């Protein structure tokens, strides 16, 4: 990704908050860029938030523990039938489902990559179990 140097002015309180968030593995520039990117995505797709998890920081449906890609995986499995998606995820509101679908449309590469990673992991687990079962017999 091409980066550009740009100067911005930050309120001292905001600067201090960013400094407090910095970990030993991050730079001020890197963290600030990540924060801005997340803010832009959340503004573009209301109802989506970002949270840390075991696999890193990912887009989630606000008010749930569900990552956006998980809802989209279901949506694709249902041939992109929004009504069926509502039945499959009956505990989510229409607004939450629309947020997931809207985010996936706005950021198809990100969601596509996560869907592919999950497919690969699922295939590896299935292959691993089958290989274990063959060795056992």
Protein backbone atom coordinates (compact mmCIF):
# COMPACT_ATOMS: atom_id res chain seq x y z
CA UNK A 1 0.00 0.00 0.00
CA UNK A 2 1.33 3.41 -0.92
CA UNK A 3 1.56 5.84 1.98
CA UNK A 4 1.78 9.61 1.91
CA UNK A 5 3.28 11.88 4.53
CA UNK A 6 0.71 14.41 5.70
CA UNK A 7 0.84 16.76 8.65
CA UNK A 8 -2.18 17.05 10.96
CA UNK A 9 -2.84 18.94 14.15
CA UNK A 10 -4.17 16.97 17.11
CA UNK A 11 -5.66 18.17 20.34
CA UNK A 12 -3.26 17.40 23.20
CA UNK A 13 -5.86 15.15 24.90
CA UNK A 14 -6.19 13.05 21.74
CA UNK A 15 -2.42 12.87 21.35
CA UNK A 16 -2.09 11.66 24.96
CA UNK A 17 -4.80 9.02 24.43
CA UNK A 18 -3.00 7.68 21.36
CA UNK A 19 0.29 7.60 23.26
CA UNK A 20 -1.42 5.64 26.08
CA UNK A 21 -2.73 3.08 23.57
CA UNK A 22 0.66 2.43 22.01
CA UNK A 23 2.16 -0.97 22.64
CA UNK A 24 5.83 -1.88 22.30
CA UNK A 25 5.06 -3.40 18.86
CA UNK A 26 3.38 -0.30 17.41
CA UNK A 27 4.47 3.07 16.14
CA UNK A 28 2.54 6.29 16.64
CA UNK A 29 2.11 6.60 12.89
CA UNK A 30 0.90 3.02 12.46
CA UNK A 31 -1.61 3.17 15.31
CA UNK A 32 -2.94 6.56 14.23
CA UNK A 33 -3.39 5.31 10.65
CA UNK A 34 -5.26 2.25 11.97
CA UNK A 35 -7.52 4.40 14.14
CA UNK A 36 -8.33 6.71 11.24
CA UNK A 37 -9.04 3.76 8.92
CA UNK A 38 -11.39 2.18 11.46
CA UNK A 39 -13.17 5.49 12.07
CA UNK A 40 -13.70 5.96 8.33
CA UNK A 41 -15.07 2.42 7.96
CA UNK A 42 -17.43 2.85 10.92
CA UNK A 43 -18.68 6.17 9.59
CA UNK A 44 -19.23 4.62 6.15
CA UNK A 45 -20.93 1.54 7.64
CA UNK A 46 -22.94 2.44 10.76
CA UNK A 47 -23.56 -0.59 12.94
CA UNK A 48 -20.06 -2.00 12.45
CA UNK A 49 -17.44 -1.70 15.17
CA UNK A 50 -13.91 -3.03 15.57
CA UNK A 51 -12.74 -5.28 18.38
CA UNK A 52 -9.69 -7.31 19.27
CA UNK A 53 -10.05 -11.06 19.31
CA UNK A 54 -7.91 -14.19 19.20
CA UNK A 55 -7.34 -13.74 15.45
CA UNK A 56 -6.63 -10.00 15.66
CA UNK A 57 -8.67 -6.85 15.27
CA UNK A 58 -11.73 -7.37 13.09
CA UNK A 59 -15.00 -5.76 12.01
CA UNK A 60 -17.93 -6.93 14.13
CA UNK A 61 -21.65 -6.33 14.24
CA UNK A 62 -22.35 -3.73 16.92
CA UNK A 63 -23.94 -5.20 20.03
CA UNK A 64 -22.82 -8.76 19.26
CA UNK A 65 -19.69 -10.87 19.29
CA UNK A 66 -20.23 -11.78 15.64
CA UNK A 67 -17.65 -10.79 13.09
CA UNK A 68 -19.00 -9.41 9.83
CA UNK A 69 -17.51 -12.28 7.79
CA UNK A 70 -19.47 -14.81 9.88
CA UNK A 71 -22.78 -13.22 8.89
CA UNK A 72 -21.65 -12.95 5.27
CA UNK A 73 -20.65 -16.61 5.25
CA UNK A 74 -24.26 -17.40 6.14
CA UNK A 75 -25.55 -14.90 3.58
CA UNK A 76 -23.54 -16.55 0.81
CA UNK A 77 -24.61 -20.03 1.94
CA UNK A 78 -28.22 -18.83 1.59
CA UNK A 79 -27.61 -17.62 -1.99
CA UNK A 80 -27.69 -14.01 -0.76
CA UNK A 81 -31.35 -14.29 0.27
CA UNK A 82 -31.73 -11.48 2.81
CA UNK A 83 -35.06 -12.79 4.12
CA UNK A 84 -33.53 -16.21 4.75
CA UNK A 85 -30.56 -14.53 6.43
CA UNK A 86 -32.98 -12.84 8.82
CA UNK A 87 -34.45 -16.22 9.73
CA UNK A 88 -31.03 -17.84 10.12
CA UNK A 89 -29.81 -14.99 12.35
CA UNK A 90 -33.21 -14.37 13.98
CA UNK A 91 -31.64 -12.73 17.04
CA UNK A 92 -30.11 -9.94 14.93
CA UNK A 93 -32.07 -6.89 13.89
CA UNK A 94 -32.56 -5.94 10.26
CA UNK A 95 -30.27 -2.96 10.90
CA UNK A 96 -27.50 -5.28 12.12
CA UNK A 97 -27.86 -7.55 9.09
CA UNK A 98 -27.86 -4.57 6.74
CA UNK A 99 -24.70 -3.30 8.44
CA UNK A 100 -22.95 -6.62 7.74
CA UNK A 101 -24.07 -6.80 4.13
CA UNK A 102 -23.22 -3.13 3.57
CA UNK A 103 -19.76 -3.55 5.04
CA UNK A 104 -19.08 -6.60 2.87
CA UNK A 105 -20.12 -4.64 -0.22
CA UNK A 106 -17.95 -1.67 0.79
CA UNK A 107 -14.90 -3.82 1.63
CA UNK A 108 -15.16 -6.98 -0.49
CA UNK A 109 -11.42 -7.76 -0.47
CA UNK A 110 -11.25 -7.74 3.33
CA UNK A 111 -14.32 -9.92 3.81
CA UNK A 112 -13.41 -12.20 0.88
CA UNK A 113 -10.00 -12.81 2.41
CA UNK A 114 -11.51 -13.75 5.77
CA UNK A 115 -14.03 -16.06 4.11
CA UNK A 116 -11.22 -17.77 2.20
CA UNK A 117 -9.09 -18.13 5.34
CA UNK A 118 -12.03 -19.82 7.06
CA UNK A 119 -12.60 -22.17 4.10
CA UNK A 120 -8.93 -23.16 4.14
CA UNK A 121 -8.96 -23.73 7.89
CA UNK A 122 -12.14 -25.82 7.65
CA UNK A 123 -10.64 -27.93 4.85
CA UNK A 124 -7.42 -28.43 6.83
CA UNK A 125 -9.37 -29.55 9.91
CA UNK A 126 -11.52 -31.90 7.85
CA UNK A 127 -8.44 -33.31 6.11
CA UNK A 128 -6.64 -33.62 9.42
CA UNK A 129 -9.48 -35.59 11.00
CA UNK A 130 -9.75 -37.85 7.98
CA UNK A 131 -6.00 -38.45 8.01
CA UNK A 132 -6.10 -39.22 11.74
CA UNK A 133 -9.01 -41.64 11.26
CA UNK A 134 -7.09 -43.48 8.50
CA UNK A 135 -3.97 -43.80 10.65
CA UNK A 136 -5.97 -45.09 13.60
CA UNK A 137 -7.44 -48.04 11.67
